[in-house]
Structure formats: C-alpha cells, structure tokens
C-alpha atoms as a PDB file:
ATOM      1  CA  UNK A   1      10.095  -5.899  20.284  1.00  0.00           C
ATOM      2  CA  UNK A   2       8.305  -2.637  19.448  1.00  0.00           C
ATOM      3  CA  UNK A   3       7.600  -3.787  15.881  1.00  0.00           C
ATOM      4  CA  UNK A   4       6.311  -7.114  17.200  1.00  0.00           C
ATOM      5  CA  UNK A   5       3.836  -5.282  19.462  1.00  0.00           C
ATOM      6  CA  UNK A   6       2.705  -3.123  16.539  1.00  0.00           C
ATOM      7  CA  UNK A   7       2.135  -6.235  14.443  1.00  0.00           C
ATOM      8  CA  UNK A   8       0.135  -7.927  17.192  1.00  0.00           C
ATOM      9  CA  UNK A   9      -1.953  -4.812  17.815  1.00  0.00           C
ATOM     10  CA  UNK A  10      -3.040  -4.335  14.202  1.00  0.00           C
ATOM     11  CA  UNK A  11      -3.792  -8.047  13.753  1.00  0.00           C
ATOM     12  CA  UNK A  12      -5.915  -7.973  16.903  1.00  0.00           C
ATOM     13  CA  UNK A  13      -7.825  -4.961  15.583  1.00  0.00           C
ATOM     14  CA  UNK A  14      -8.506  -6.682  12.264  1.00  0.00           C
ATOM     15  CA  UNK A  15      -9.673  -9.868  13.961  1.00  0.00           C
ATOM     16  CA  UNK A  16     -12.376  -7.923  15.796  1.00  0.00           C
ATOM     17  CA  UNK A  17     -14.039  -6.776  12.566  1.00  0.00           C
ATOM     18  CA  UNK A  18     -17.165  -8.760  11.709  1.00  0.00           C
ATOM     19  CA  UNK A  19     -17.696  -7.792   8.067  1.00  0.00           C
ATOM     20  CA  UNK A  20     -15.874  -6.312   5.103  1.00  0.00           C
ATOM     21  CA  UNK A  21     -17.185  -2.798   5.657  1.00  0.00           C
ATOM     22  CA  UNK A  22     -15.896  -2.689   9.228  1.00  0.00           C
ATOM     23  CA  UNK A  23     -12.562  -4.151   8.183  1.00  0.00           C
ATOM     24  CA  UNK A  24     -11.999  -1.509   5.509  1.00  0.00           C
ATOM     25  CA  UNK A  25     -12.973   1.269   7.914  1.00  0.00           C
ATOM     26  CA  UNK A  26     -10.450  -0.143  10.389  1.00  0.00           C
ATOM     27  CA  UNK A  27      -7.740  -0.264   7.721  1.00  0.00           C
ATOM     28  CA  UNK A  28      -8.477   3.240   6.427  1.00  0.00           C
ATOM     29  CA  UNK A  29      -8.317   4.633   9.962  1.00  0.00           C
ATOM     30  CA  UNK A  30      -5.072   2.788  10.714  1.00  0.00           C
ATOM     31  CA  UNK A  31      -3.413   4.232   7.610  1.00  0.00           C
ATOM     32  CA  UNK A  32      -4.859   7.675   8.336  1.00  0.00           C
ATOM     33  CA  UNK A  33      -3.368   7.631  11.834  1.00  0.00           C
ATOM     34  CA  UNK A  34       0.036   7.398  10.135  1.00  0.00           C
ATOM     35  CA  UNK A  35      -0.692  10.279   7.750  1.00  0.00           C
ATOM     36  CA  UNK A  36      -2.002   8.264   4.772  1.00  0.00           C
ATOM     37  CA  UNK A  37      -5.608   9.241   4.119  1.00  0.00           C
ATOM     38  CA  UNK A  38      -5.992   8.458   0.390  1.00  0.00           C
ATOM     39  CA  UNK A  39      -6.091   4.687  -0.067  1.00  0.00           C
ATOM     40  CA  UNK A  40      -6.837   2.594  -3.164  1.00  0.00           C
ATOM     41  CA  UNK A  41      -6.787  -1.209  -3.211  1.00  0.00           C
ATOM     42  CA  UNK A  42      -7.017  -3.260  -6.415  1.00  0.00           C
ATOM     43  CA  UNK A  43      -7.654  -6.992  -6.433  1.00  0.00           C
ATOM     44  CA  UNK A  44      -9.049  -9.660  -8.730  1.00  0.00           C
ATOM     45  CA  UNK A  45      -8.514 -10.578 -12.340  1.00  0.00           C
ATOM     46  CA  UNK A  46      -8.819  -8.827 -15.681  1.00  0.00           C
ATOM     47  CA  UNK A  47     -12.465  -9.834 -16.000  1.00  0.00           C
ATOM     48  CA  UNK A  48     -13.334  -8.149 -12.740  1.00  0.00           C
ATOM     49  CA  UNK A  49     -10.842  -5.984 -10.866  1.00  0.00           C
ATOM     50  CA  UNK A  50     -12.350  -4.845  -7.577  1.00  0.00           C
ATOM     51  CA  UNK A  51     -11.574  -1.303  -6.442  1.00  0.00           C
ATOM     52  CA  UNK A  52     -11.858  -0.355  -2.775  1.00  0.00           C
ATOM     53  CA  UNK A  53     -10.956   3.163  -1.696  1.00  0.00           C
ATOM     54  CA  UNK A  54     -11.792   5.824   0.849  1.00  0.00           C
ATOM     55  CA  UNK A  55     -12.257   8.438  -1.849  1.00  0.00           C
ATOM     56  CA  UNK A  56     -15.678  10.040  -2.100  1.00  0.00           C
ATOM     57  CA  UNK A  57     -18.225   7.791  -3.836  1.00  0.00           C
ATOM     58  CA  UNK A  58     -18.597  10.360  -6.608  1.00  0.00           C
ATOM     59  CA  UNK A  59     -14.867   9.987  -7.395  1.00  0.00           C
ATOM     60  CA  UNK A  60     -15.206   6.219  -7.697  1.00  0.00           C
ATOM     61  CA  UNK A  61     -18.073   6.613 -10.168  1.00  0.00           C
ATOM     62  CA  UNK A  62     -16.137   9.285 -12.063  1.00  0.00           C
ATOM     63  CA  UNK A  63     -13.130   6.942 -12.242  1.00  0.00           C
ATOM     64  CA  UNK A  64     -15.318   4.250 -13.827  1.00  0.00           C
ATOM     65  CA  UNK A  65     -17.216   6.553 -16.199  1.00  0.00           C
ATOM     66  CA  UNK A  66     -14.046   8.166 -17.534  1.00  0.00           C
ATOM     67  CA  UNK A  67     -12.420   4.779 -18.166  1.00  0.00           C
ATOM     68  CA  UNK A  68      -9.479   5.607 -15.911  1.00  0.00           C
ATOM     69  CA  UNK A  69      -8.886   1.925 -15.191  1.00  0.00           C
ATOM     70  CA  UNK A  70      -7.665   1.423 -18.761  1.00  0.00           C
ATOM     71  CA  UNK A  71      -5.085   4.232 -18.465  1.00  0.00           C
ATOM     72  CA  UNK A  72      -4.261   4.285 -14.773  1.00  0.00           C
ATOM     73  CA  UNK A  73      -0.440   4.171 -14.591  1.00  0.00           C
ATOM     74  CA  UNK A  74      -0.626   2.505 -11.180  1.00  0.00           C
ATOM     75  CA  UNK A  75      -1.947  -0.743 -12.654  1.00  0.00           C
ATOM     76  CA  UNK A  76       0.370  -0.536 -15.650  1.00  0.00           C
ATOM     77  CA  UNK A  77       3.638   0.295 -13.924  1.00  0.00           C
ATOM     78  CA  UNK A  78       3.427  -0.064 -10.136  1.00  0.00           C
ATOM     79  CA  UNK A  79       1.780  -3.468  -9.836  1.00  0.00           C
ATOM     80  CA  UNK A  80       4.097  -5.304 -12.223  1.00  0.00           C
ATOM     81  CA  UNK A  81       6.884  -5.338  -9.610  1.00  0.00           C
ATOM     82  CA  UNK A  82       7.156  -5.972  -5.877  1.00  0.00           C
ATOM     83  CA  UNK A  83       9.419  -2.948  -5.650  1.00  0.00           C
ATOM     84  CA  UNK A  84       7.981   0.049  -3.782  1.00  0.00           C
ATOM     85  CA  UNK A  85       7.178   2.856  -6.248  1.00  0.00           C
ATOM     86  CA  UNK A  86       6.417   6.428  -5.219  1.00  0.00           C
ATOM     87  CA  UNK A  87       3.043   7.609  -6.492  1.00  0.00           C
ATOM     88  CA  UNK A  88       1.054  10.843  -6.699  1.00  0.00           C
ATOM     89  CA  UNK A  89       1.315  14.226  -8.365  1.00  0.00           C
ATOM     90  CA  UNK A  90       4.476  15.181  -6.424  1.00  0.00           C
ATOM     91  CA  UNK A  91       6.361  12.329  -8.113  1.00  0.00           C
ATOM     92  CA  UNK A  92       5.291  12.723 -11.738  1.00  0.00           C
ATOM     93  CA  UNK A  93       8.711  14.063 -12.779  1.00  0.00           C
ATOM     94  CA  UNK A  94      10.322  10.906 -11.401  1.00  0.00           C
ATOM     95  CA  UNK A  95       8.471   8.887 -14.042  1.00  0.00           C
ATOM     96  CA  UNK A  96       9.291  10.439 -17.457  1.00  0.00           C
ATOM     97  CA  UNK A  97       7.692   7.481 -19.279  1.00  0.00           C
ATOM     98  CA  UNK A  98       4.167   8.633 -18.330  1.00  0.00           C
ATOM     99  CA  UNK A  99       2.047   9.889 -21.213  1.00  0.00           C
ATOM    100  CA  UNK A 100      -0.484  12.738 -21.090  1.00  0.00           C
ATOM    101  CA  UNK A 101      -3.488  10.464 -20.503  1.00  0.00           C
ATOM    102  CA  UNK A 102      -1.760   8.752 -17.575  1.00  0.00           C
ATOM    103  CA  UNK A 103      -0.715  12.065 -16.064  1.00  0.00           C
ATOM    104  CA  UNK A 104      -4.315  13.227 -16.283  1.00  0.00           C
ATOM    105  CA  UNK A 105      -5.418  10.345 -14.038  1.00  0.00           C
ATOM    106  CA  UNK A 106      -2.797  11.385 -11.464  1.00  0.00           C
ATOM    107  CA  UNK A 107      -3.838  15.040 -11.700  1.00  0.00           C
ATOM    108  CA  UNK A 108      -7.496  14.137 -11.193  1.00  0.00           C
ATOM    109  CA  UNK A 109      -6.576  12.155  -8.066  1.00  0.00           C
ATOM    110  CA  UNK A 110      -4.551  15.100  -6.757  1.00  0.00           C
ATOM    111  CA  UNK A 111      -7.679  17.260  -6.885  1.00  0.00           C
ATOM    112  CA  UNK A 112      -9.167  14.790  -4.372  1.00  0.00           C
ATOM    113  CA  UNK A 113      -6.173  15.174  -2.067  1.00  0.00           C
ATOM    114  CA  UNK A 114      -3.809  12.425  -3.277  1.00  0.00           C
ATOM    115  CA  UNK A 115      -0.487  14.230  -3.343  1.00  0.00           C
ATOM    116  CA  UNK A 116       2.223  11.715  -2.436  1.00  0.00           C
ATOM    117  CA  UNK A 117       2.197   7.991  -1.742  1.00  0.00           C
ATOM    118  CA  UNK A 118       3.701   4.612  -2.484  1.00  0.00           C
ATOM    119  CA  UNK A 119       2.782   1.217  -3.886  1.00  0.00           C
ATOM    120  CA  UNK A 120       2.548  -2.024  -1.926  1.00  0.00           C
ATOM    121  CA  UNK A 121       2.167  -4.978  -4.289  1.00  0.00           C
ATOM    122  CA  UNK A 122       1.247  -8.328  -2.762  1.00  0.00           C
ATOM    123  CA  UNK A 123       0.443 -10.175  -5.978  1.00  0.00           C
ATOM    124  CA  UNK A 124       2.206  -8.830  -9.020  1.00  0.00           C
ATOM    125  CA  UNK A 125      -0.061  -8.122 -11.990  1.00  0.00           C
ATOM    126  CA  UNK A 126       0.775 -10.753 -14.599  1.00  0.00           C
ATOM    127  CA  UNK A 127      -2.034  -9.923 -17.008  1.00  0.00           C
ATOM    128  CA  UNK A 128      -4.502 -12.021 -15.038  1.00  0.00           C
ATOM    129  CA  UNK A 129      -4.468 -11.558 -11.240  1.00  0.00           C
ATOM    130  CA  UNK A 130      -3.501  -8.575  -9.114  1.00  0.00           C
ATOM    131  CA  UNK A 131      -3.482  -7.593  -5.426  1.00  0.00           C
ATOM    132  CA  UNK A 132      -1.946  -4.201  -4.757  1.00  0.00           C
ATOM    133  CA  UNK A 133      -2.321  -1.024  -2.721  1.00  0.00           C
ATOM    134  CA  UNK A 134      -1.787   2.602  -3.687  1.00  0.00           C
ATOM    135  CA  UNK A 135      -1.269   4.201  -0.285  1.00  0.00           C
ATOM    136  CA  UNK A 136      -1.438   7.970  -0.552  1.00  0.00           C
ATOM    137  CA  UNK A 137      -1.510  11.134   1.500  1.00  0.00           C
ATOM    138  CA  UNK A 138      -2.444  14.802   1.343  1.00  0.00           C
ATOM    139  CA  UNK A 139       1.047  15.500   2.706  1.00  0.00           C
ATOM    140  CA  UNK A 140       3.822  16.576   0.355  1.00  0.00           C
ATOM    141  CA  UNK A 141       6.620  14.337  -0.901  1.00  0.00           C
ATOM    142  CA  UNK A 142       9.166  15.438   1.706  1.00  0.00           C
ATOM    143  CA  UNK A 143       6.756  14.837   4.594  1.00  0.00           C
ATOM    144  CA  UNK A 144       5.788  11.406   3.259  1.00  0.00           C
ATOM    145  CA  UNK A 145       9.446  10.477   2.775  1.00  0.00           C
ATOM    146  CA  UNK A 146      10.142  11.265   6.429  1.00  0.00           C
ATOM    147  CA  UNK A 147       7.289   8.972   7.501  1.00  0.00           C
ATOM    148  CA  UNK A 148       8.383   6.149   5.204  1.00  0.00           C
ATOM    149  CA  UNK A 149      11.936   6.208   6.493  1.00  0.00           C
ATOM    150  CA  UNK A 150      10.580   5.137   9.864  1.00  0.00           C
ATOM    151  CA  UNK A 151       7.269   3.429   9.090  1.00  0.00           C
ATOM    152  CA  UNK A 152       7.490   1.724   5.677  1.00  0.00           C
ATOM    153  CA  UNK A 153       7.790  -1.874   7.036  1.00  0.00           C
ATOM    154  CA  UNK A 154       4.861  -1.259   9.396  1.00  0.00           C
ATOM    155  CA  UNK A 155       2.687   0.189   6.621  1.00  0.00           C
ATOM    156  CA  UNK A 156       3.549  -2.703   4.313  1.00  0.00           C
ATOM    157  CA  UNK A 157       2.606  -5.096   7.101  1.00  0.00           C
ATOM    158  CA  UNK A 158      -0.806  -3.418   7.405  1.00  0.00           C
ATOM    159  CA  UNK A 159      -1.408  -3.849   3.675  1.00  0.00           C
ATOM    160  CA  UNK A 160      -0.332  -7.489   3.801  1.00  0.00           C
ATOM    161  CA  UNK A 161      -2.553  -8.521   6.702  1.00  0.00           C
ATOM    162  CA  UNK A 162      -5.360  -6.290   5.465  1.00  0.00           C
ATOM    163  CA  UNK A 163      -5.448  -8.224   2.212  1.00  0.00           C
ATOM    164  CA  UNK A 164      -5.427 -11.547   4.052  1.00  0.00           C
ATOM    165  CA  UNK A 165      -8.328 -10.595   6.306  1.00  0.00           C
ATOM    166  CA  UNK A 166     -10.282  -9.088   3.381  1.00  0.00           C
ATOM    167  CA  UNK A 167      -9.862 -12.322   1.416  1.00  0.00           C
ATOM    168  CA  UNK A 168     -11.144 -14.327   4.389  1.00  0.00           C
ATOM    169  CA  UNK A 169     -14.204 -12.112   4.684  1.00  0.00           C
ATOM    170  CA  UNK A 170     -14.943 -12.769   0.991  1.00  0.00           C
ATOM    171  CA  UNK A 171     -14.971 -16.543   1.574  1.00  0.00           C
ATOM    172  CA  UNK A 172     -17.964 -18.235  -0.162  1.00  0.00           C
ATOM    173  CA  UNK A 173     -19.636 -18.602   3.236  1.00  0.00           C
ATOM    174  CA  UNK A 174     -18.767 -15.406   5.124  1.00  0.00           C
ATOM    175  CA  UNK A 175     -20.624 -13.922   8.064  1.00  0.00           C
ATOM    176  CA  UNK A 176     -22.171 -10.847   6.433  1.00  0.00           C
ATOM    177  CA  UNK A 177     -24.308  -8.053   7.808  1.00  0.00           C
ATOM    178  CA  UNK A 178     -27.117  -8.231   5.241  1.00  0.00           C
ATOM    179  CA  UNK A 179     -27.935  -4.552   5.642  1.00  0.00           C
ATOM    180  CA  UNK A 180     -24.427  -3.702   4.362  1.00  0.00           C
ATOM    181  CA  UNK A 181     -24.483  -6.188   1.497  1.00  0.00           C
ATOM    182  CA  UNK A 182     -25.424  -3.676  -1.212  1.00  0.00           C
ATOM    183  CA  UNK A 183     -24.488  -0.029  -1.557  1.00  0.00           C
ATOM    184  CA  UNK A 184     -27.203   2.607  -1.715  1.00  0.00           C
ATOM    185  CA  UNK A 185     -26.605   3.019  -5.464  1.00  0.00           C
ATOM    186  CA  UNK A 186     -26.819  -0.729  -6.093  1.00  0.00           C
ATOM    187  CA  UNK A 187     -30.102  -0.927  -4.184  1.00  0.00           C
ATOM    188  CA  UNK A 188     -31.504   2.059  -6.082  1.00  0.00           C
ATOM    189  CA  UNK A 189     -30.617   0.556  -9.461  1.00  0.00           C
ATOM    190  CA  UNK A 190     -32.289  -2.728  -8.495  1.00  0.00           C
ATOM    191  CA  UNK A 191     -35.395  -0.909  -7.245  1.00  0.00           C
ATOM    192  CA  UNK A 192     -35.725   0.981 -10.502  1.00  0.00           C
ATOM    193  CA  UNK A 193     -35.171  -2.230 -12.464  1.00  0.00           C
ATOM    194  CA  UNK A 194     -37.937  -3.831 -10.407  1.00  0.00           C
ATOM    195  CA  UNK A 195     -40.218  -1.015 -11.566  1.00  0.00           C
ATOM    196  CA  UNK A 196     -39.576  -2.062 -15.157  1.00  0.00           C
ATOM    197  CA  UNK A 197     -37.021   0.600 -16.099  1.00  0.00           C
ATOM    198  CA  UNK A 198     -34.302  -0.346 -18.554  1.00  0.00           C
ATOM    199  CA  UNK A 199     -30.633   0.523 -18.144  1.00  0.00           C
ATOM    200  CA  UNK A 200     -31.001   3.549 -20.411  1.00  0.00           C
ATOM    201  CA  UNK A 201     -33.970   4.832 -18.399  1.00  0.00           C
ATOM    202  CA  UNK A 202     -32.165   4.388 -15.087  1.00  0.00           C
ATOM    203  CA  UNK A 203     -29.085   6.181 -16.444  1.00  0.00           C
ATOM    204  CA  UNK A 204     -31.177   9.153 -17.529  1.00  0.00           C
ATOM    205  CA  UNK A 205     -33.043   9.288 -14.228  1.00  0.00           C
ATOM    206  CA  UNK A 206     -29.907   9.103 -12.064  1.00  0.00           C
ATOM    207  CA  UNK A 207     -27.859  11.233 -14.476  1.00  0.00           C
ATOM    208  CA  UNK A 208     -25.186   8.570 -14.841  1.00  0.00           C
ATOM    209  CA  UNK A 209     -23.808   6.714 -17.838  1.00  0.00           C
ATOM    210  CA  UNK A 210     -25.277   3.383 -18.911  1.00  0.00           C
ATOM    211  CA  UNK A 211     -21.888   1.792 -18.193  1.00  0.00           C
ATOM    212  CA  UNK A 212     -22.081   2.989 -14.591  1.00  0.00           C
ATOM    213  CA  UNK A 213     -25.599   1.587 -14.154  1.00  0.00           C
ATOM    214  CA  UNK A 214     -24.485  -1.749 -15.591  1.00  0.00           C
ATOM    215  CA  UNK A 215     -21.519  -1.681 -13.209  1.00  0.00           C
ATOM    216  CA  UNK A 216     -23.805  -1.258 -10.167  1.00  0.00           C
ATOM    217  CA  UNK A 217     -26.241  -3.923 -11.349  1.00  0.00           C
ATOM    218  CA  UNK A 218     -23.423  -6.393 -12.057  1.00  0.00           C
ATOM    219  CA  UNK A 219     -21.995  -5.756  -8.593  1.00  0.00           C
ATOM    220  CA  UNK A 220     -25.413  -6.384  -7.057  1.00  0.00           C
ATOM    221  CA  UNK A 221     -25.819  -9.664  -8.963  1.00  0.00           C
ATOM    222  CA  UNK A 222     -22.390 -10.907  -7.884  1.00  0.00           C
ATOM    223  CA  UNK A 223     -22.886  -9.948  -4.233  1.00  0.00           C
ATOM    224  CA  UNK A 224     -26.280 -11.667  -4.161  1.00  0.00           C
ATOM    225  CA  UNK A 225     -25.073 -14.702  -6.108  1.00  0.00           C
ATOM    226  CA  UNK A 226     -27.774 -14.066  -8.706  1.00  0.00           C
ATOM    227  CA  UNK A 227     -27.730 -15.492 -12.229  1.00  0.00           C
ATOM    228  CA  UNK A 228     -29.730 -12.693 -13.852  1.00  0.00           C
ATOM    229  CA  UNK A 229     -30.977  -9.198 -13.070  1.00  0.00           C
ATOM    230  CA  UNK A 230     -34.444 -10.600 -12.391  1.00  0.00           C
ATOM    231  CA  UNK A 231     -32.968 -13.157  -9.996  1.00  0.00           C
ATOM    232  CA  UNK A 232     -31.076 -10.354  -8.204  1.00  0.00           C
ATOM    233  CA  UNK A 233     -34.298  -8.360  -7.798  1.00  0.00           C
ATOM    234  CA  UNK A 234     -36.041 -11.411  -6.351  1.00  0.00           C
ATOM    235  CA  UNK A 235     -33.221 -12.095  -3.860  1.00  0.00           C
ATOM    236  CA  UNK A 236     -32.941  -8.437  -2.836  1.00  0.00           C
ATOM    237  CA  UNK A 237     -36.666  -8.330  -2.099  1.00  0.00           C
ATOM    238  CA  UNK A 238     -36.459 -11.599  -0.172  1.00  0.00           C
ATOM    239  CA  UNK A 239     -33.683 -10.139   1.996  1.00  0.00           C
ATOM    240  CA  UNK A 240     -35.627  -6.870   2.433  1.00  0.00           C
ATOM    241  CA  UNK A 241     -32.829  -4.921   0.765  1.00  0.00           C
ATOM    242  CA  UNK A 242     -35.271  -3.224  -1.615  1.00  0.00           C
ATOM    243  CA  UNK A 243     -38.988  -2.563  -1.402  1.00  0.00           C
ATOM    244  CA  UNK A 244     -41.350  -4.679  -3.534  1.00  0.00           C
END
C-alpha cells in the first residue's frame, strides 16, 4: 500500500508539469530528495543522442568538447543490459575491464560530485536506440547501497515514468513555453549568426570549439523545426527569441 501511494504521488507530480523544463526540474528534485543529486539521462539514436543532466552547463559543454560520448563507459557497458549496474568513481575497481580513457570520464564526473550511483535502462542500447539513466550521488558507495536496499524499486519507477512523461512532452505538437524553447547559448549562437558571423568566428568570440557551436546551432534548428540555419534565425526572430 505504501509503495502504491508513492507511485501515485510521483505520477501526480509529473502530470502537473506543463513543459519539459519543469518536468526535468521535478524529476531532479525527486531524485535529490532521496540522496541522488547527479543525474544523467540518455535517449535517442546514434545520429542524435540527447543528454539531459543536472550537472553545471559548463560540464555538459566540456563533455561534448572532449568527445566523452565516444568513450563514456556508461553507454558502452551499462545500457546494453537491463541489469542494474553500479556506477561512479567508488565502483571503478568492480569493473576491471575499463580502460584508461573510460576511467578518465568517470574521474572527471567525480570532480563534479558524482561519486556513487546506478544504471536504470529502459531501452537497451542495440546500436541504434537507447533510453537509460545514470542516477548518481555525492554520497559514498556504502551510503548509496543502504538507500538502494530500501528504495531501488521506487527510484526505478521514477526513471520509468519520467521517461514516459518526457516522451509525451516531446510529441510533435506539445504545449511548449516558447520562452524556454532555446537555451541561452543556443539563442546567443543564433544572434551572432544573424549578424553574419561564421561558426569559426562565433567559436573564437565565445571561446568554445567549433564543434560546440555547431552542436548548439543544430539543437536550435531541431527545436525550431528549421531546415537551415537561416530558417532557424528567421523563426527565432518571429518568435521573439532573438533580437533582429
């Protein structure tokens, strides 16, 4: 009965969220209330895997610039099975198959507070599609183990329903708060493009790599449903997301 009430409560909370940003904030807070404050969610296909996390924005950009996606052991090992796998720097010795490059990714995440966690895979990565969570904490392995002994089914339930509600909010015709449609970095890249700057110029100005600038511009195009960069600029201006 208690678990049923927990399930109903979290579903009710998710149903109240009107857009993707609010939903993710709700999910991050729900996990944090249970001691898990370092969350990464991967979804999509090999052409475009979407990363959502509550890490600092600078970490997300660093992750992209350093090419961590290509050597992140989470995608390679944890998402290929529905089995729960312990993740984080406290568990590196449990996975002797990790190479130096993969360990580096884990060490970098630990510097941002990801110490111990676990995987929750909803759609196993088959080389094409994936839907999985890396649910981490600043707590040590022993503390996390104590929580999981009592709360693992509840936490897995949160990840399951969170993915369902997130997918619904990304329906082709969602109700979206236009002001939240683009991130500040995506808007800035579009504004600079509108001024005639090329990718290389924007990268130099913002002190980011060209790959990162292309990443933000591609995200903006996809969110706006634009065919080209010029089309994205036009739509962003029409929606008052950037200044003409």
